[in-house]
PDB file of N, CA and C in Angstrom:
ATOM      1  N   MET A   1     -11.773 132.386 -58.230  1.00  0.00           N
ATOM      2  CA  MET A   1     -10.667 131.590 -57.759  1.00  0.00           C
ATOM      3  C   MET A   1     -11.210 130.500 -56.833  1.00  0.00           C
ATOM      4  N   VAL A   2     -10.789 129.230 -57.044  1.00  0.00           N
ATOM      5  CA  VAL A   2     -11.265 128.083 -56.279  1.00  0.00           C
ATOM      6  C   VAL A   2     -10.138 127.593 -55.382  1.00  0.00           C
ATOM      7  N   PHE A   3     -10.440 127.461 -54.088  1.00  0.00           N
ATOM      8  CA  PHE A   3      -9.454 126.955 -53.134  1.00  0.00           C
ATOM      9  C   PHE A   3      -9.717 125.458 -52.905  1.00  0.00           C
ATOM     10  N   SER A   4      -8.692 124.664 -53.091  1.00  0.00           N
ATOM     11  CA  SER A   4      -8.846 123.223 -52.908  1.00  0.00           C
ATOM     12  C   SER A   4      -8.183 122.718 -51.630  1.00  0.00           C
ATOM     13  N   ASN A   5      -7.604 123.621 -50.844  1.00  0.00           N
ATOM     14  CA  ASN A   5      -6.901 123.207 -49.628  1.00  0.00           C
ATOM     15  C   ASN A   5      -7.695 123.503 -48.368  1.00  0.00           C
ATOM     16  N   PHE A   6      -8.997 123.497 -48.467  1.00  0.00           N
ATOM     17  CA  PHE A   6      -9.812 123.726 -47.281  1.00  0.00           C
ATOM     18  C   PHE A   6      -9.736 122.509 -46.370  1.00  0.00           C
ATOM     19  N   PRO A   7      -9.829 122.707 -45.064  1.00  0.00           N
ATOM     20  CA  PRO A   7      -9.823 121.564 -44.150  1.00  0.00           C
ATOM     21  C   PRO A   7     -11.006 120.642 -44.425  1.00  0.00           C
ATOM     22  N   GLN A   8     -10.728 119.364 -44.377  1.00  0.00           N
ATOM     23  CA  GLN A   8     -11.753 118.359 -44.596  1.00  0.00           C
ATOM     24  C   GLN A   8     -12.212 117.823 -43.238  1.00  0.00           C
ATOM     25  N   ALA A   9     -13.416 117.316 -43.199  1.00  0.00           N
ATOM     26  CA  ALA A   9     -13.927 116.704 -41.971  1.00  0.00           C
ATOM     27  C   ALA A   9     -13.174 115.411 -41.716  1.00  0.00           C
ATOM     28  N   ALA A  10     -12.671 115.259 -40.515  1.00  0.00           N
ATOM     29  CA  ALA A  10     -11.922 114.052 -40.165  1.00  0.00           C
ATOM     30  C   ALA A  10     -12.880 112.973 -39.687  1.00  0.00           C
ATOM     31  N   GLU A  11     -12.580 111.727 -40.071  1.00  0.00           N
ATOM     32  CA  GLU A  11     -13.383 110.613 -39.603  1.00  0.00           C
ATOM     33  C   GLU A  11     -12.920 110.211 -38.209  1.00  0.00           C
ATOM     34  N   LYS A  12     -13.851 109.745 -37.433  1.00  0.00           N
ATOM     35  CA  LYS A  12     -13.534 109.314 -36.075  1.00  0.00           C
ATOM     36  C   LYS A  12     -13.068 107.864 -36.109  1.00  0.00           C
ATOM     37  N   PHE A  13     -11.902 107.609 -35.539  1.00  0.00           N
ATOM     38  CA  PHE A  13     -11.381 106.249 -35.456  1.00  0.00           C
ATOM     39  C   PHE A  13     -11.680 105.704 -34.068  1.00  0.00           C
ATOM     40  N   GLU A  14     -12.208 104.489 -34.026  1.00  0.00           N
ATOM     41  CA  GLU A  14     -12.547 103.854 -32.757  1.00  0.00           C
ATOM     42  C   GLU A  14     -11.331 103.127 -32.214  1.00  0.00           C
ATOM     43  N   ILE A  15     -10.475 103.846 -31.528  1.00  0.00           N
ATOM     44  CA  ILE A  15      -9.275 103.264 -30.925  1.00  0.00           C
ATOM     45  C   ILE A  15      -9.383 103.427 -29.421  1.00  0.00           C
ATOM     46  N   GLN A  16      -9.222 102.328 -28.718  1.00  0.00           N
ATOM     47  CA  GLN A  16      -9.283 102.388 -27.265  1.00  0.00           C
ATOM     48  C   GLN A  16      -7.892 102.714 -26.737  1.00  0.00           C
ATOM     49  N   ALA A  17      -7.802 103.758 -25.967  1.00  0.00           N
ATOM     50  CA  ALA A  17      -6.509 104.162 -25.414  1.00  0.00           C
ATOM     51  C   ALA A  17      -6.084 103.185 -24.327  1.00  0.00           C
ATOM     52  N   TYR A  18      -4.772 103.032 -24.155  1.00  0.00           N
ATOM     53  CA  TYR A  18      -4.209 102.186 -23.108  1.00  0.00           C
ATOM     54  C   TYR A  18      -4.623 102.738 -21.761  1.00  0.00           C
ATOM     55  N   LYS A  19      -5.176 101.884 -20.932  1.00  0.00           N
ATOM     56  CA  LYS A  19      -5.615 102.326 -19.610  1.00  0.00           C
ATOM     57  C   LYS A  19      -5.144 101.315 -18.577  1.00  0.00           C
ATOM     58  N   ARG A  20      -4.289 101.753 -17.690  1.00  0.00           N
ATOM     59  CA  ARG A  20      -3.787 100.894 -16.622  1.00  0.00           C
ATOM     60  C   ARG A  20      -4.861 100.779 -15.542  1.00  0.00           C
ATOM     61  N   PRO A  21      -5.061  99.582 -14.986  1.00  0.00           N
ATOM     62  CA  PRO A  21      -6.063  99.443 -13.929  1.00  0.00           C
ATOM     63  C   PRO A  21      -5.690 100.278 -12.709  1.00  0.00           C
ATOM     64  N   GLY A  22      -6.695 100.654 -11.941  1.00  0.00           N
ATOM     65  CA  GLY A  22      -6.465 101.487 -10.763  1.00  0.00           C
ATOM     66  C   GLY A  22      -5.463 100.868  -9.802  1.00  0.00           C
ATOM     67  N   SER A  23      -5.675  99.619  -9.450  1.00  0.00           N
ATOM     68  CA  SER A  23      -4.737  98.920  -8.575  1.00  0.00           C
ATOM     69  C   SER A  23      -4.855  97.424  -8.817  1.00  0.00           C
ATOM     70  N   ILE A  24      -3.814  96.700  -8.473  1.00  0.00           N
ATOM     71  CA  ILE A  24      -3.827  95.248  -8.642  1.00  0.00           C
ATOM     72  C   ILE A  24      -4.898  94.619  -7.754  1.00  0.00           C
ATOM     73  N   LYS A  25      -5.140  95.191  -6.580  1.00  0.00           N
ATOM     74  CA  LYS A  25      -6.178  94.655  -5.693  1.00  0.00           C
ATOM     75  C   LYS A  25      -7.543  94.714  -6.360  1.00  0.00           C
ATOM     76  N   ASP A  26      -7.816  95.800  -7.090  1.00  0.00           N
ATOM     77  CA  ASP A  26      -9.105  95.937  -7.764  1.00  0.00           C
ATOM     78  C   ASP A  26      -9.257  94.935  -8.908  1.00  0.00           C
ATOM     79  N   ILE A  27      -8.207  94.758  -9.680  1.00  0.00           N
ATOM     80  CA  ILE A  27      -8.303  93.858 -10.834  1.00  0.00           C
ATOM     81  C   ILE A  27      -8.371  92.399 -10.388  1.00  0.00           C
ATOM     82  N   ARG A  28      -7.809  92.057  -9.239  1.00  0.00           N
ATOM     83  CA  ARG A  28      -7.871  90.676  -8.728  1.00  0.00           C
ATOM     84  C   ARG A  28      -9.291  90.266  -8.356  1.00  0.00           C
ATOM     85  N   LYS A  29     -10.153  91.224  -8.089  1.00  0.00           N
ATOM     86  CA  LYS A  29     -11.545  90.910  -7.747  1.00  0.00           C
ATOM     87  C   LYS A  29     -12.311  90.373  -8.950  1.00  0.00           C
ATOM     88  N   THR A  30     -11.938  90.814 -10.145  1.00  0.00           N
ATOM     89  CA  THR A  30     -12.704  90.465 -11.338  1.00  0.00           C
ATOM     90  C   THR A  30     -11.909  89.687 -12.377  1.00  0.00           C
ATOM     91  N   HIS A  31     -10.592  89.484 -12.157  1.00  0.00           N
ATOM     92  CA  HIS A  31      -9.732  88.848 -13.143  1.00  0.00           C
ATOM     93  C   HIS A  31      -8.779  87.847 -12.491  1.00  0.00           C
ATOM     94  N   VAL A  32      -8.217  86.970 -13.322  1.00  0.00           N
ATOM     95  CA  VAL A  32      -7.210  86.004 -12.889  1.00  0.00           C
ATOM     96  C   VAL A  32      -5.985  86.199 -13.784  1.00  0.00           C
ATOM     97  N   ALA A  33      -4.788  86.147 -13.182  1.00  0.00           N
ATOM     98  CA  ALA A  33      -3.546  86.359 -13.932  1.00  0.00           C
ATOM     99  C   ALA A  33      -2.957  85.032 -14.406  1.00  0.00           C
ATOM    100  N   PHE A  34      -2.422  85.039 -15.630  1.00  0.00           N
ATOM    101  CA  PHE A  34      -1.709  83.907 -16.207  1.00  0.00           C
ATOM    102  C   PHE A  34      -0.416  84.445 -16.805  1.00  0.00           C
ATOM    103  N   SER A  35       0.692  83.722 -16.612  1.00  0.00           N
ATOM    104  CA  SER A  35       1.990  84.172 -17.115  1.00  0.00           C
ATOM    105  C   SER A  35       2.543  83.190 -18.132  1.00  0.00           C
ATOM    106  N   GLY A  36       3.253  83.726 -19.112  1.00  0.00           N
ATOM    107  CA  GLY A  36       3.875  82.881 -20.113  1.00  0.00           C
ATOM    108  C   GLY A  36       4.302  83.691 -21.316  1.00  0.00           C
ATOM    109  N   SER A  37       4.590  82.990 -22.390  1.00  0.00           N
ATOM    110  CA  SER A  37       5.033  83.616 -23.631  1.00  0.00           C
ATOM    111  C   SER A  37       3.869  83.638 -24.616  1.00  0.00           C
ATOM    112  N   PRO A  38       3.431  84.826 -25.044  1.00  0.00           N
ATOM    113  CA  PRO A  38       2.264  84.900 -25.933  1.00  0.00           C
ATOM    114  C   PRO A  38       2.619  84.528 -27.364  1.00  0.00           C
ATOM    115  N   ARG A  39       1.689  83.885 -28.027  1.00  0.00           N
ATOM    116  CA  ARG A  39       1.833  83.530 -29.431  1.00  0.00           C
ATOM    117  C   ARG A  39       0.516  83.839 -30.141  1.00  0.00           C
ATOM    118  N   LYS A  40       0.628  84.143 -31.415  1.00  0.00           N
ATOM    119  CA  LYS A  40      -0.554  84.348 -32.230  1.00  0.00           C
ATOM    120  C   LYS A  40      -1.200  82.993 -32.483  1.00  0.00           C
ATOM    121  N   HIS A  41      -2.511  82.928 -32.381  1.00  0.00           N
ATOM    122  CA  HIS A  41      -3.218  81.680 -32.650  1.00  0.00           C
ATOM    123  C   HIS A  41      -3.014  81.310 -34.120  1.00  0.00           C
ATOM    124  N   PRO A  42      -2.782  80.033 -34.438  1.00  0.00           N
ATOM    125  CA  PRO A  42      -2.429  79.672 -35.804  1.00  0.00           C
ATOM    126  C   PRO A  42      -3.506  79.957 -36.856  1.00  0.00           C
ATOM    127  N   TYR A  43      -4.790  79.938 -36.466  1.00  0.00           N
ATOM    128  CA  TYR A  43      -5.825  80.142 -37.475  1.00  0.00           C
ATOM    129  C   TYR A  43      -6.990  81.019 -37.024  1.00  0.00           C
ATOM    130  N   ASP A  44      -7.018  81.470 -35.779  1.00  0.00           N
ATOM    131  CA  ASP A  44      -8.127  82.285 -35.281  1.00  0.00           C
ATOM    132  C   ASP A  44      -7.587  83.580 -34.680  1.00  0.00           C
ATOM    133  N   ASP A  45      -7.842  84.696 -35.350  1.00  0.00           N
ATOM    134  CA  ASP A  45      -7.330  85.995 -34.889  1.00  0.00           C
ATOM    135  C   ASP A  45      -8.025  86.496 -33.628  1.00  0.00           C
ATOM    136  N   THR A  46      -9.128  85.867 -33.226  1.00  0.00           N
ATOM    137  CA  THR A  46      -9.837  86.311 -32.029  1.00  0.00           C
ATOM    138  C   THR A  46      -9.348  85.605 -30.769  1.00  0.00           C
ATOM    139  N   LYS A  47      -8.296  84.779 -30.897  1.00  0.00           N
ATOM    140  CA  LYS A  47      -7.770  84.040 -29.749  1.00  0.00           C
ATOM    141  C   LYS A  47      -6.277  84.275 -29.608  1.00  0.00           C
ATOM    142  N   VAL A  48      -5.787  84.058 -28.385  1.00  0.00           N
ATOM    143  CA  VAL A  48      -4.362  84.180 -28.092  1.00  0.00           C
ATOM    144  C   VAL A  48      -3.914  82.899 -27.387  1.00  0.00           C
ATOM    145  N   VAL A  49      -2.686  82.486 -27.679  1.00  0.00           N
ATOM    146  CA  VAL A  49      -2.091  81.299 -27.059  1.00  0.00           C
ATOM    147  C   VAL A  49      -1.005  81.783 -26.106  1.00  0.00           C
ATOM    148  N   LEU A  50      -0.974  81.223 -24.901  1.00  0.00           N
ATOM    149  CA  LEU A  50       0.022  81.597 -23.895  1.00  0.00           C
ATOM    150  C   LEU A  50       0.770  80.330 -23.477  1.00  0.00           C
ATOM    151  N   ILE A  51       2.049  80.218 -23.852  1.00  0.00           N
ATOM    152  CA  ILE A  51       2.870  79.053 -23.516  1.00  0.00           C
ATOM    153  C   ILE A  51       3.478  79.299 -22.143  1.00  0.00           C
ATOM    154  N   THR A  52       3.223  78.404 -21.194  1.00  0.00           N
ATOM    155  CA  THR A  52       3.604  78.651 -19.803  1.00  0.00           C
ATOM    156  C   THR A  52       5.106  78.667 -19.571  1.00  0.00           C
ATOM    157  N   ASP A  53       5.832  77.712 -20.112  1.00  0.00           N
ATOM    158  CA  ASP A  53       7.286  77.663 -19.937  1.00  0.00           C
ATOM    159  C   ASP A  53       7.897  77.250 -21.266  1.00  0.00           C
ATOM    160  N   PRO A  54       8.182  78.223 -22.135  1.00  0.00           N
ATOM    161  CA  PRO A  54       8.573  77.898 -23.513  1.00  0.00           C
ATOM    162  C   PRO A  54       9.921  77.190 -23.672  1.00  0.00           C
ATOM    163  N   VAL A  55      10.786  77.178 -22.676  1.00  0.00           N
ATOM    164  CA  VAL A  55      12.081  76.502 -22.817  1.00  0.00           C
ATOM    165  C   VAL A  55      12.100  75.119 -22.167  1.00  0.00           C
ATOM    166  N   SER A  56      11.032  74.741 -21.504  1.00  0.00           N
ATOM    167  CA  SER A  56      10.962  73.454 -20.831  1.00  0.00           C
ATOM    168  C   SER A  56      10.545  72.350 -21.796  1.00  0.00           C
ATOM    169  N   MET A  57      10.952  71.133 -21.503  1.00  0.00           N
ATOM    170  CA  MET A  57      10.515  69.981 -22.292  1.00  0.00           C
ATOM    171  C   MET A  57       9.124  69.522 -21.859  1.00  0.00           C
ATOM    172  N   ASN A  58       8.709  69.889 -20.658  1.00  0.00           N
ATOM    173  CA  ASN A  58       7.408  69.500 -20.128  1.00  0.00           C
ATOM    174  C   ASN A  58       6.575  70.768 -19.948  1.00  0.00           C
ATOM    175  N   THR A  59       5.885  71.177 -20.968  1.00  0.00           N
ATOM    176  CA  THR A  59       5.146  72.434 -20.914  1.00  0.00           C
ATOM    177  C   THR A  59       3.719  72.229 -21.392  1.00  0.00           C
ATOM    178  N   PHE A  60       2.906  73.218 -21.172  1.00  0.00           N
ATOM    179  CA  PHE A  60       1.540  73.237 -21.690  1.00  0.00           C
ATOM    180  C   PHE A  60       1.215  74.660 -22.083  1.00  0.00           C
ATOM    181  N   TYR A  61       0.063  74.856 -22.699  1.00  0.00           N
ATOM    182  CA  TYR A  61      -0.317  76.204 -23.091  1.00  0.00           C
ATOM    183  C   TYR A  61      -1.785  76.461 -22.804  1.00  0.00           C
ATOM    184  N   TYR A  62      -2.112  77.730 -22.686  1.00  0.00           N
ATOM    185  CA  TYR A  62      -3.478  78.192 -22.505  1.00  0.00           C
ATOM    186  C   TYR A  62      -3.948  78.854 -23.794  1.00  0.00           C
ATOM    187  N   GLU A  63      -5.250  78.821 -23.997  1.00  0.00           N
ATOM    188  CA  GLU A  63      -5.853  79.519 -25.130  1.00  0.00           C
ATOM    189  C   GLU A  63      -7.033  80.326 -24.598  1.00  0.00           C
ATOM    190  N   PHE A  64      -7.048  81.621 -24.898  1.00  0.00           N
ATOM    191  CA  PHE A  64      -8.107  82.516 -24.444  1.00  0.00           C
ATOM    192  C   PHE A  64      -8.621  83.351 -25.602  1.00  0.00           C
ATOM    193  N   LYS A  65      -9.843  83.826 -25.493  1.00  0.00           N
ATOM    194  CA  LYS A  65     -10.353  84.813 -26.438  1.00  0.00           C
ATOM    195  C   LYS A  65      -9.702  86.149 -26.104  1.00  0.00           C
ATOM    196  N   THR A  66      -9.310  86.893 -27.123  1.00  0.00           N
ATOM    197  CA  THR A  66      -8.654  88.177 -26.877  1.00  0.00           C
ATOM    198  C   THR A  66      -9.599  89.165 -26.201  1.00  0.00           C
ATOM    199  N   ASP A  67     -10.889  89.039 -26.419  1.00  0.00           N
ATOM    200  CA  ASP A  67     -11.856  89.933 -25.773  1.00  0.00           C
ATOM    201  C   ASP A  67     -11.921  89.719 -24.259  1.00  0.00           C
ATOM    202  N   ASP A  68     -11.517  88.537 -23.790  1.00  0.00           N
ATOM    203  CA  ASP A  68     -11.536  88.240 -22.356  1.00  0.00           C
ATOM    204  C   ASP A  68     -10.281  88.714 -21.641  1.00  0.00           C
ATOM    205  N   VAL A  69      -9.262  89.117 -22.386  1.00  0.00           N
ATOM    206  CA  VAL A  69      -8.016  89.625 -21.801  1.00  0.00           C
ATOM    207  C   VAL A  69      -8.161  91.134 -21.646  1.00  0.00           C
ATOM    208  N   THR A  70      -8.076  91.607 -20.403  1.00  0.00           N
ATOM    209  CA  THR A  70      -8.290  93.025 -20.137  1.00  0.00           C
ATOM    210  C   THR A  70      -6.994  93.810 -20.036  1.00  0.00           C
ATOM    211  N   PHE A  71      -5.969  93.198 -19.491  1.00  0.00           N
ATOM    212  CA  PHE A  71      -4.731  93.921 -19.227  1.00  0.00           C
ATOM    213  C   PHE A  71      -3.548  92.990 -19.429  1.00  0.00           C
ATOM    214  N   VAL A  72      -2.459  93.517 -19.980  1.00  0.00           N
ATOM    215  CA  VAL A  72      -1.237  92.737 -20.212  1.00  0.00           C
ATOM    216  C   VAL A  72      -0.067  93.472 -19.581  1.00  0.00           C
ATOM    217  N   GLU A  73       0.703  92.762 -18.760  1.00  0.00           N
ATOM    218  CA  GLU A  73       1.918  93.315 -18.152  1.00  0.00           C
ATOM    219  C   GLU A  73       3.129  92.626 -18.763  1.00  0.00           C
ATOM    220  N   GLU A  74       4.116  93.394 -19.139  1.00  0.00           N
ATOM    221  CA  GLU A  74       5.341  92.804 -19.667  1.00  0.00           C
ATOM    222  C   GLU A  74       6.231  92.394 -18.498  1.00  0.00           C
ATOM    223  N   LEU A  75       6.737  91.170 -18.563  1.00  0.00           N
ATOM    224  CA  LEU A  75       7.651  90.635 -17.548  1.00  0.00           C
ATOM    225  C   LEU A  75       9.058  90.614 -18.129  1.00  0.00           C
ATOM    226  N   PRO A  76      10.084  90.430 -17.297  1.00  0.00           N
ATOM    227  CA  PRO A  76      11.448  90.333 -17.840  1.00  0.00           C
ATOM    228  C   PRO A  76      11.553  89.168 -18.825  1.00  0.00           C
ATOM    229  N   SER A  77      12.209  89.406 -19.947  1.00  0.00           N
ATOM    230  CA  SER A  77      12.385  88.374 -20.970  1.00  0.00           C
ATOM    231  C   SER A  77      13.433  87.366 -20.513  1.00  0.00           C
ATOM    232  N   ILE A  78      13.369  86.176 -21.098  1.00  0.00           N
ATOM    233  CA  ILE A  78      14.369  85.155 -20.828  1.00  0.00           C
ATOM    234  C   ILE A  78      15.068  84.811 -22.147  1.00  0.00           C
ATOM    235  N   VAL A  79      16.195  84.133 -22.053  1.00  0.00           N
ATOM    236  CA  VAL A  79      16.953  83.751 -23.238  1.00  0.00           C
ATOM    237  C   VAL A  79      16.966  82.232 -23.323  1.00  0.00           C
ATOM    238  N   SER A  80      16.639  81.720 -24.497  1.00  0.00           N
ATOM    239  CA  SER A  80      16.622  80.275 -24.709  1.00  0.00           C
ATOM    240  C   SER A  80      18.057  79.757 -24.810  1.00  0.00           C
ATOM    241  N   PRO A  81      18.265  78.443 -24.703  1.00  0.00           N
ATOM    242  CA  PRO A  81      19.612  77.892 -24.859  1.00  0.00           C
ATOM    243  C   PRO A  81      20.235  78.204 -26.225  1.00  0.00           C
ATOM    244  N   ASP A  82      19.390  78.508 -27.218  1.00  0.00           N
ATOM    245  CA  ASP A  82      19.893  78.857 -28.554  1.00  0.00           C
ATOM    246  C   ASP A  82      20.247  80.336 -28.672  1.00  0.00           C
ATOM    247  N   GLY A  83      20.049  81.110 -27.611  1.00  0.00           N
ATOM    248  CA  GLY A  83      20.366  82.533 -27.629  1.00  0.00           C
ATOM    249  C   GLY A  83      19.224  83.413 -28.098  1.00  0.00           C
ATOM    250  N   GLU A  84      18.036  82.856 -28.249  1.00  0.00           N
ATOM    251  CA  GLU A  84      16.874  83.617 -28.695  1.00  0.00           C
ATOM    252  C   GLU A  84      16.168  84.249 -27.489  1.00  0.00           C
ATOM    253  N   ALA A  85      15.853  85.538 -27.581  1.00  0.00           N
ATOM    254  CA  ALA A  85      15.132  86.217 -26.499  1.00  0.00           C
ATOM    255  C   ALA A  85      13.660  85.830 -26.569  1.00  0.00           C
ATOM    256  N   ILE A  86      13.103  85.444 -25.440  1.00  0.00           N
ATOM    257  CA  ILE A  86      11.699  85.041 -25.361  1.00  0.00           C
ATOM    258  C   ILE A  86      10.962  86.032 -24.472  1.00  0.00           C
ATOM    259  N   VAL A  87       9.930  86.638 -25.022  1.00  0.00           N
ATOM    260  CA  VAL A  87       9.130  87.632 -24.304  1.00  0.00           C
ATOM    261  C   VAL A  87       8.171  86.918 -23.364  1.00  0.00           C
ATOM    262  N   LEU A  88       8.110  87.380 -22.125  1.00  0.00           N
ATOM    263  CA  LEU A  88       7.159  86.853 -21.149  1.00  0.00           C
ATOM    264  C   LEU A  88       6.204  87.966 -20.747  1.00  0.00           C
ATOM    265  N   VAL A  89       4.941  87.599 -20.539  1.00  0.00           N
ATOM    266  CA  VAL A  89       3.927  88.563 -20.128  1.00  0.00           C
ATOM    267  C   VAL A  89       3.044  87.951 -19.048  1.00  0.00           C
ATOM    268  N   ARG A  90       2.327  88.806 -18.372  1.00  0.00           N
ATOM    269  CA  ARG A  90       1.264  88.391 -17.450  1.00  0.00           C
ATOM    270  C   ARG A  90      -0.020  88.971 -18.015  1.00  0.00           C
ATOM    271  N   ILE A  91      -0.971  88.096 -18.325  1.00  0.00           N
ATOM    272  CA  ILE A  91      -2.250  88.585 -18.840  1.00  0.00           C
ATOM    273  C   ILE A  91      -3.315  88.420 -17.767  1.00  0.00           C
ATOM    274  N   TRP A  92      -4.233  89.358 -17.739  1.00  0.00           N
ATOM    275  CA  TRP A  92      -5.341  89.334 -16.783  1.00  0.00           C
ATOM    276  C   TRP A  92      -6.608  89.003 -17.551  1.00  0.00           C
ATOM    277  N   VAL A  93      -7.195  87.840 -17.218  1.00  0.00           N
ATOM    278  CA  VAL A  93      -8.370  87.320 -17.915  1.00  0.00           C
ATOM    279  C   VAL A  93      -9.585  87.450 -17.002  1.00  0.00           C
ATOM    280  N   LYS A  94     -10.709  87.879 -17.580  1.00  0.00           N
ATOM    281  CA  LYS A  94     -11.951  88.045 -16.813  1.00  0.00           C
ATOM    282  C   LYS A  94     -12.367  86.723 -16.188  1.00  0.00           C
ATOM    283  N   LYS A  95     -12.802  86.776 -14.940  1.00  0.00           N
ATOM    284  CA  LYS A  95     -13.331  85.583 -14.282  1.00  0.00           C
ATOM    285  C   LYS A  95     -14.578  85.114 -15.012  1.00  0.00           C
ATOM    286  N   GLN A  96     -14.841  83.829 -14.971  1.00  0.00           N
ATOM    287  CA  GLN A  96     -15.961  83.159 -15.625  1.00  0.00           C
ATOM    288  C   GLN A  96     -15.806  83.081 -17.146  1.00  0.00           C
ATOM    289  N   SER A  97     -14.633  83.437 -17.674  1.00  0.00           N
ATOM    290  CA  SER A  97     -14.367  83.273 -19.107  1.00  0.00           C
ATOM    291  C   SER A  97     -14.003  81.820 -19.379  1.00  0.00           C
ATOM    292  N   ILE A  98     -14.195  81.411 -20.611  1.00  0.00           N
ATOM    293  CA  ILE A  98     -13.831  80.059 -21.008  1.00  0.00           C
ATOM    294  C   ILE A  98     -12.410  80.076 -21.559  1.00  0.00           C
ATOM    295  N   GLY A  99     -11.561  79.217 -21.014  1.00  0.00           N
ATOM    296  CA  GLY A  99     -10.195  79.068 -21.493  1.00  0.00           C
ATOM    297  C   GLY A  99      -9.912  77.604 -21.755  1.00  0.00           C
ATOM    298  N   ILE A 100      -8.885  77.342 -22.524  1.00  0.00           N
ATOM    299  CA  ILE A 100      -8.489  75.961 -22.809  1.00  0.00           C
ATOM    300  C   ILE A 100      -7.059  75.769 -22.327  1.00  0.00           C
ATOM    301  N   ARG A 101      -6.833  74.676 -21.585  1.00  0.00           N
ATOM    302  CA  ARG A 101      -5.478  74.309 -21.177  1.00  0.00           C
ATOM    303  C   ARG A 101      -5.131  73.021 -21.909  1.00  0.00           C
ATOM    304  N   CYS A 102      -4.044  73.043 -22.642  1.00  0.00           N
ATOM    305  CA  CYS A 102      -3.656  71.896 -23.460  1.00  0.00           C
ATOM    306  C   CYS A 102      -2.281  71.406 -23.023  1.00  0.00           C
ATOM    307  N   THR A 103      -2.187  70.104 -22.755  1.00  0.00           N
ATOM    308  CA  THR A 103      -0.927  69.490 -22.362  1.00  0.00           C
ATOM    309  C   THR A 103      -0.540  68.455 -23.414  1.00  0.00           C
ATOM    310  N   PRO A 104       0.401  68.790 -24.285  1.00  0.00           N
ATOM    311  CA  PRO A 104       0.841  67.809 -25.283  1.00  0.00           C
ATOM    312  C   PRO A 104       1.658  66.694 -24.622  1.00  0.00           C
ATOM    313  N   PHE A 105       1.578  65.505 -25.172  1.00  0.00           N
ATOM    314  CA  PHE A 105       2.354  64.386 -24.639  1.00  0.00           C
ATOM    315  C   PHE A 105       2.626  63.389 -25.759  1.00  0.00           C
ATOM    316  N   ILE A 106       3.604  62.510 -25.538  1.00  0.00           N
ATOM    317  CA  ILE A 106       3.938  61.453 -26.486  1.00  0.00           C
ATOM    318  C   ILE A 106       3.263  60.180 -26.014  1.00  0.00           C
ATOM    319  N   VAL A 107       2.575  59.549 -26.905  1.00  0.00           N
ATOM    320  CA  VAL A 107       1.864  58.323 -26.574  1.00  0.00           C
ATOM    321  C   VAL A 107       2.866  57.176 -26.525  1.00  0.00           C
ATOM    322  N   GLU A 108       2.940  56.527 -25.361  1.00  0.00           N
ATOM    323  CA  GLU A 108       3.823  55.378 -25.196  1.00  0.00           C
ATOM    324  C   GLU A 108       3.181  54.380 -24.267  1.00  0.00           C
ATOM    325  N   ASP A 109       3.644  53.166 -24.351  1.00  0.00           N
ATOM    326  CA  ASP A 109       3.207  52.118 -23.449  1.00  0.00           C
ATOM    327  C   ASP A 109       3.936  52.306 -22.129  1.00  0.00           C
ATOM    328  N   THR A 110       3.207  52.365 -21.031  1.00  0.00           N
ATOM    329  CA  THR A 110       3.835  52.635 -19.732  1.00  0.00           C
ATOM    330  C   THR A 110       4.163  51.360 -18.948  1.00  0.00           C
ATOM    331  N   ARG A 111       3.877  50.216 -19.531  1.00  0.00           N
ATOM    332  CA  ARG A 111       4.193  48.953 -18.835  1.00  0.00           C
ATOM    333  C   ARG A 111       5.686  48.740 -18.794  1.00  0.00           C
ATOM    334  N   LEU A 112       6.159  48.173 -17.719  1.00  0.00           N
ATOM    335  CA  LEU A 112       7.579  47.835 -17.606  1.00  0.00           C
ATOM    336  C   LEU A 112       7.857  46.572 -18.425  1.00  0.00           C
ATOM    337  N   ARG A 113       8.992  46.547 -19.045  1.00  0.00           N
ATOM    338  CA  ARG A 113       9.338  45.375 -19.870  1.00  0.00           C
ATOM    339  C   ARG A 113      10.289  44.490 -19.181  1.00  0.00           C
TER     340      ARG A 113
END
């Protein structure tokens, strides 16, 4: 008689468990906090985009490597004028990391007419 229901060896999955930092004072020594609405980078899965004020007409965004983000705190969500809920977070980025700050603008002539 052959038994086919013997336990099989399980493969080890490399999943990092959620770990809250010891204290905010400790994380401030090695990280800087940025707040805004997170978005997936349009073409690079290794980066994250953080829009600082998503309902404002005068806004900018940050771009960071996801490996440089150590901790994410969820902040109270806001509601856009269209009734859409917008998620806000605070991300903690390692000091000395490279980030990009982008400020979009409309090109116009600033001379008075």
